[in-house]
Amino acid sequence: MTSLDRKTRGRTSHGRLQSLDAYLLYQERELLTRSEGSWARAAFVDLGFGEHPWTTLESAQAFRELNPGLPVVGVELEPQRVESAQEHADALTDFRQGGFDLPLRPGETVRLIRAMNLLRGYRPEEVSGIHQTLGGALLEGGLLVEGSTDTSGAVLVAHLLRRVPEGLSREALLFHTDFSRGFAPVLFRDWLPRDFRRRVKPGEPIHAFFAQWMEAWQQAREAGPLEPPEAFHHSVLRLATRMEGLVTDAWLLARGYLLWKPPGGVFR
């Protein structure tokens, strides 16, 4: 079992994970609002909130628009970060020291875990074990979100892993851009989750995915001059004709989200 024992810079800026919050509010509304049985007080856990708990507090505010009584737990390895965050604690918001073995209290349950920008310094072969450790804290049906963003949050790629009766399902990959850096599929390569970053090479499924997306994007551009949001939209629609599992929901595409849920789950 891997411990969260490696310091991170923790310089998360305001709004860095706002696009992820928006996605969850839209796509995971039921997860955020479930209230039967053990779900009544099931928490959102933000792992590795950083030097300042800005993103934890922003997510708490956003999610409580749907679920006003949602408990939120921010977890950090470094005690000084936890101590400084205490000024923001309240009856529903707590900050605790801990790592991948989440510092939960007896009887606490968890519906959603976010672990963004944490694993870039780990070895790819360590990722699966970390996922399994975190997933063990979730209620059945709960979600683990793990991946990376650039420093401003303009580009994001994340695993979406669902707790199912058999364990943890690699349900989907989520890509997002706000188009401030333009758009081409290659934009996402440097922000892939840790277990995929060095696998974008011939013979690997993630390489085939990007090759198909690049071809779809180039064909969309050849059809006429397109602004980045249009190029993204048309490239995803073209890609969906070639690959199974692309979600072509209009709300997602209009806002720069590609959700890929391949049959059988995301490959390892």
Protein backbone atom coordinates (compact mmCIF):
# COMPACT_ATOMS: atom_id res chain seq x y z
CA MET A 1 0.00 0.00 0.00
CA THR A 2 1.33 3.43 -0.96
CA SER A 3 1.21 6.28 1.53
CA LEU A 4 0.67 9.91 0.69
CA ASP A 5 4.14 10.72 1.96
CA ARG A 6 5.49 12.99 -0.74
CA LYS A 7 5.16 16.71 -0.38
CA THR A 8 3.34 18.65 -3.05
CA ARG A 9 3.80 22.31 -3.88
CA GLY A 10 0.19 22.87 -2.97
CA ARG A 11 -0.12 26.15 -4.83
CA THR A 12 -3.67 25.65 -5.96
CA SER A 13 -5.21 28.88 -7.20
CA HIS A 14 -8.76 30.14 -6.91
CA GLY A 15 -11.05 28.60 -9.54
CA ARG A 16 -8.60 25.91 -10.64
CA LEU A 17 -11.19 23.13 -10.28
CA GLN A 18 -14.27 25.17 -11.09
CA SER A 19 -14.82 23.30 -14.37
CA LEU A 20 -14.74 19.98 -12.54
CA ASP A 21 -17.30 21.29 -10.04
CA ALA A 22 -19.55 22.33 -12.93
CA TYR A 23 -19.25 18.90 -14.52
CA LEU A 24 -20.15 17.13 -11.29
CA LEU A 25 -23.10 19.42 -10.64
CA TYR A 26 -24.45 18.61 -14.09
CA GLN A 27 -23.55 14.95 -14.56
CA GLU A 28 -23.53 13.69 -10.95
CA ARG A 29 -26.51 15.48 -9.49
CA GLU A 30 -27.95 12.28 -8.03
CA LEU A 31 -24.63 11.40 -6.40
CA LEU A 32 -24.45 14.81 -4.74
CA THR A 33 -28.04 14.74 -3.49
CA ARG A 34 -28.66 11.12 -2.42
CA SER A 35 -29.99 11.09 1.12
CA GLU A 36 -31.33 7.64 1.89
CA GLY A 37 -29.75 5.52 4.61
CA SER A 38 -25.96 5.85 4.78
CA TRP A 39 -26.06 8.58 2.17
CA ALA A 40 -27.80 11.04 4.47
CA ARG A 41 -24.51 12.33 5.89
CA ALA A 42 -22.10 11.00 3.26
CA ALA A 43 -19.27 13.45 2.73
CA PHE A 44 -17.31 14.94 -0.13
CA VAL A 45 -13.60 14.44 0.60
CA ASP A 46 -11.04 16.70 -1.05
CA LEU A 47 -7.64 15.01 -0.78
CA GLY A 48 -4.54 17.19 -0.97
CA PHE A 49 -6.20 20.61 -0.81
CA GLY A 50 -2.85 22.39 -0.81
CA GLU A 51 -1.30 25.39 0.86
CA HIS A 52 -4.68 27.11 1.00
CA PRO A 53 -8.06 25.36 0.94
CA TRP A 54 -9.52 27.56 -1.79
CA THR A 55 -10.73 24.76 -4.06
CA THR A 56 -12.22 22.80 -1.16
CA LEU A 57 -14.23 25.83 -0.06
CA GLU A 58 -15.29 26.68 -3.62
CA SER A 59 -16.52 23.13 -4.19
CA ALA A 60 -18.33 23.12 -0.86
CA GLN A 61 -20.17 26.28 -1.82
CA ALA A 62 -21.05 24.94 -5.28
CA PHE A 63 -22.20 21.49 -4.14
CA ARG A 64 -24.26 22.90 -1.27
CA GLU A 65 -26.43 24.71 -3.78
CA LEU A 66 -27.80 21.21 -4.47
CA ASN A 67 -27.26 19.68 -1.03
CA PRO A 68 -27.17 22.35 1.70
CA GLY A 69 -26.27 19.83 4.42
CA LEU A 70 -23.34 18.22 2.56
CA PRO A 71 -20.40 17.45 4.88
CA VAL A 72 -17.03 18.37 3.38
CA VAL A 73 -13.67 17.06 4.60
CA GLY A 74 -10.40 18.52 3.36
CA VAL A 75 -7.40 16.23 3.85
CA GLU A 76 -3.72 17.23 3.70
CA LEU A 77 -0.47 15.52 4.61
CA GLU A 78 1.30 18.58 5.98
CA PRO A 79 0.08 19.58 9.45
CA GLN A 80 0.78 23.28 9.00
CA ARG A 81 -1.58 23.39 6.03
CA VAL A 82 -4.27 21.68 8.07
CA GLU A 83 -3.73 24.06 10.95
CA SER A 84 -3.96 27.15 8.77
CA ALA A 85 -7.15 25.85 7.16
CA GLN A 86 -8.93 25.57 10.51
CA GLU A 87 -10.07 29.18 10.34
CA HIS A 88 -12.41 28.07 7.54
CA ALA A 89 -13.86 25.08 9.43
CA ASP A 90 -17.49 25.08 10.51
CA ALA A 91 -20.21 22.62 11.44
CA LEU A 92 -20.19 21.08 7.95
CA THR A 93 -16.57 21.68 6.90
CA ASP A 94 -13.61 19.96 8.50
CA PHE A 95 -9.88 19.85 7.75
CA ARG A 96 -7.77 16.87 8.80
CA GLN A 97 -4.24 15.59 8.45
CA GLY A 98 -3.91 12.38 6.49
CA GLY A 99 -3.18 10.63 3.22
CA PHE A 100 -4.57 7.88 1.03
CA ASP A 101 -5.85 6.02 4.08
CA LEU A 102 -8.42 8.71 4.71
CA PRO A 103 -8.71 9.99 8.30
CA LEU A 104 -12.39 9.16 8.63
CA ARG A 105 -14.17 8.96 11.96
CA PRO A 106 -16.30 6.02 13.10
CA GLY A 107 -19.60 5.97 11.27
CA GLU A 108 -18.57 8.49 8.58
CA THR A 109 -19.44 7.64 4.98
CA VAL A 110 -18.15 9.09 1.71
CA ARG A 111 -19.95 9.75 -1.58
CA LEU A 112 -17.24 11.57 -3.54
CA ILE A 113 -13.45 11.76 -3.33
CA ARG A 114 -11.41 14.23 -5.34
CA ALA A 115 -7.67 13.63 -5.69
CA MET A 116 -6.48 16.10 -8.30
CA ASN A 117 -2.87 16.99 -9.08
CA LEU A 118 -1.51 14.54 -6.50
CA LEU A 119 -0.05 11.58 -8.38
CA ARG A 120 2.23 13.19 -10.93
CA GLY A 121 5.27 12.35 -8.79
CA TYR A 122 4.31 8.70 -8.29
CA ARG A 123 5.30 5.75 -10.46
CA PRO A 124 2.61 4.62 -12.91
CA GLU A 125 2.55 1.16 -11.36
CA GLU A 126 1.61 2.69 -8.00
CA VAL A 127 -1.56 4.31 -9.31
CA SER A 128 -3.84 1.27 -9.29
CA GLY A 129 -3.10 0.53 -5.63
CA ILE A 130 -3.76 4.14 -4.67
CA HIS A 131 -7.07 4.03 -6.52
CA GLN A 132 -8.06 0.85 -4.70
CA THR A 133 -7.16 2.30 -1.30
CA LEU A 134 -9.21 5.43 -1.90
CA GLY A 135 -12.08 3.54 -3.48
CA GLY A 136 -12.40 1.40 -0.39
CA ALA A 137 -13.70 4.44 1.51
CA LEU A 138 -16.62 5.03 -0.87
CA LEU A 139 -20.19 3.92 -0.51
CA GLU A 140 -21.36 1.66 -3.31
CA GLY A 141 -22.19 4.03 -6.17
CA GLY A 142 -19.71 6.61 -4.93
CA LEU A 143 -17.16 8.26 -7.20
CA LEU A 144 -13.39 8.83 -7.12
CA VAL A 145 -12.07 11.60 -9.38
CA GLU A 146 -8.31 11.48 -9.94
CA GLY A 147 -6.28 13.36 -12.53
CA SER A 148 -4.44 16.55 -13.40
CA THR A 149 -4.98 20.12 -14.52
CA ASP A 150 -2.68 22.88 -15.65
CA THR A 151 -1.98 25.61 -13.10
CA SER A 152 -5.01 27.72 -14.00
CA GLY A 153 -7.44 24.87 -14.59
CA ALA A 154 -7.77 25.64 -18.30
CA VAL A 155 -6.99 22.02 -19.26
CA LEU A 156 -8.08 18.96 -17.26
CA VAL A 157 -8.03 15.18 -17.66
CA ALA A 158 -9.34 12.87 -14.96
CA HIS A 159 -10.22 9.28 -14.22
CA LEU A 160 -13.79 8.73 -13.03
CA LEU A 161 -13.83 5.56 -10.92
CA ARG A 162 -17.08 4.19 -9.51
CA ARG A 163 -17.49 1.95 -6.48
CA VAL A 164 -19.47 -1.09 -7.61
CA PRO A 165 -20.24 -4.40 -5.84
CA GLU A 166 -17.14 -6.00 -7.40
CA GLY A 167 -14.81 -3.19 -6.32
CA LEU A 168 -13.75 -0.07 -8.21
CA SER A 169 -14.79 0.33 -11.85
CA ARG A 170 -12.68 2.45 -14.22
CA GLU A 171 -15.84 4.01 -15.57
CA ALA A 172 -14.65 6.92 -17.72
CA LEU A 173 -12.07 9.48 -18.70
CA LEU A 174 -13.08 13.13 -18.58
CA PHE A 175 -11.36 15.78 -20.71
CA HIS A 176 -12.04 19.50 -20.43
CA THR A 177 -10.70 22.72 -21.87
CA ASP A 178 -11.93 26.28 -21.54
CA PHE A 179 -10.35 27.10 -24.95
CA SER A 180 -8.12 29.85 -23.52
CA ARG A 181 -5.17 27.91 -24.94
CA GLY A 182 -6.88 27.22 -28.25
CA PHE A 183 -7.72 23.64 -29.07
CA ALA A 184 -6.10 20.56 -30.50
CA PRO A 185 -6.36 17.07 -28.98
CA VAL A 186 -2.62 17.10 -28.27
CA LEU A 187 -3.34 19.83 -25.71
CA PHE A 188 -4.42 17.11 -23.26
CA ARG A 189 -1.41 14.83 -23.49
CA ASP A 190 0.67 16.52 -20.79
CA TRP A 191 -2.26 16.45 -18.36
CA LEU A 192 -3.23 12.81 -18.65
CA PRO A 193 -3.53 10.88 -15.39
CA ARG A 194 -0.21 9.51 -14.19
CA ASP A 195 -0.78 5.95 -15.39
CA PHE A 196 -1.27 7.12 -18.99
CA ARG A 197 1.22 9.95 -19.45
CA ARG A 198 4.08 7.86 -20.86
CA ARG A 199 1.85 5.44 -22.75
CA VAL A 200 0.93 7.68 -25.68
CA LYS A 201 3.01 5.58 -28.06
CA PRO A 202 2.21 3.11 -30.83
CA GLY A 203 0.63 -0.09 -29.62
CA GLU A 204 -1.02 1.50 -26.60
CA PRO A 205 -4.82 2.07 -26.51
CA ILE A 206 -4.42 5.68 -25.36
CA HIS A 207 -2.20 6.35 -28.40
CA ALA A 208 -4.89 4.92 -30.68
CA PHE A 209 -7.47 7.13 -28.98
CA PHE A 210 -5.45 10.29 -29.59
CA ALA A 211 -4.58 9.27 -33.15
CA GLN A 212 -8.28 8.89 -33.95
CA TRP A 213 -9.13 12.18 -32.26
CA MET A 214 -6.35 14.05 -34.09
CA GLU A 215 -7.59 12.69 -37.41
CA ALA A 216 -11.17 13.68 -36.58
CA TRP A 217 -9.99 17.17 -35.58
CA GLN A 218 -7.97 17.62 -38.77
CA GLN A 219 -10.94 16.56 -40.88
CA ALA A 220 -13.18 19.03 -39.05
CA ARG A 221 -10.70 21.83 -39.75
CA GLU A 222 -10.42 20.88 -43.41
CA ALA A 223 -14.18 21.27 -43.75
CA GLY A 224 -13.85 24.99 -43.05
CA PRO A 225 -12.31 27.56 -40.72
CA LEU A 226 -13.46 26.92 -37.18
CA GLU A 227 -12.95 28.66 -33.87
CA PRO A 228 -11.58 26.38 -31.11
CA PRO A 229 -14.99 25.60 -29.51
CA GLU A 230 -16.44 24.62 -32.89
CA ALA A 231 -13.39 22.56 -33.80
CA PHE A 232 -13.70 20.71 -30.49
CA HIS A 233 -17.41 20.10 -30.95
CA HIS A 234 -17.11 18.79 -34.49
CA SER A 235 -14.06 16.68 -33.71
CA VAL A 236 -15.87 14.90 -30.88
CA LEU A 237 -18.91 14.23 -33.06
CA ARG A 238 -16.63 12.76 -35.74
CA LEU A 239 -14.73 10.74 -33.15
CA ALA A 240 -18.01 9.31 -31.83
CA THR A 241 -18.63 7.69 -35.22
CA ARG A 242 -15.33 5.82 -34.92
CA MET A 243 -15.10 4.90 -31.25
CA GLU A 244 -17.62 3.49 -28.80
CA GLY A 245 -18.47 5.21 -25.56
CA LEU A 246 -18.20 8.89 -26.52
CA VAL A 247 -20.90 10.89 -24.74
CA THR A 248 -22.22 13.54 -27.14
CA ASP A 249 -24.43 15.41 -24.70
CA ALA A 250 -24.97 18.94 -26.05
CA TRP A 251 -24.39 20.66 -22.68
CA LEU A 252 -21.04 18.93 -22.24
CA LEU A 253 -19.80 19.60 -25.77
CA ALA A 254 -20.81 23.26 -25.70
CA ARG A 255 -18.67 23.75 -22.59
CA GLY A 256 -15.57 21.88 -23.69
CA TYR A 257 -16.12 18.50 -22.01
CA LEU A 258 -15.40 15.15 -23.61
CA LEU A 259 -16.65 12.20 -21.57
CA TRP A 260 -15.42 8.80 -22.75
CA LYS A 261 -17.04 5.73 -21.22
CA PRO A 262 -15.68 2.80 -23.23
CA PRO A 263 -17.59 -0.48 -22.99
CA GLY A 264 -16.07 -2.56 -20.23
CA GLY A 265 -14.41 0.46 -18.67
CA VAL A 266 -11.23 2.41 -19.27
CA PHE A 267 -8.24 0.18 -20.10
CA ARG A 268 -5.37 -0.12 -17.66
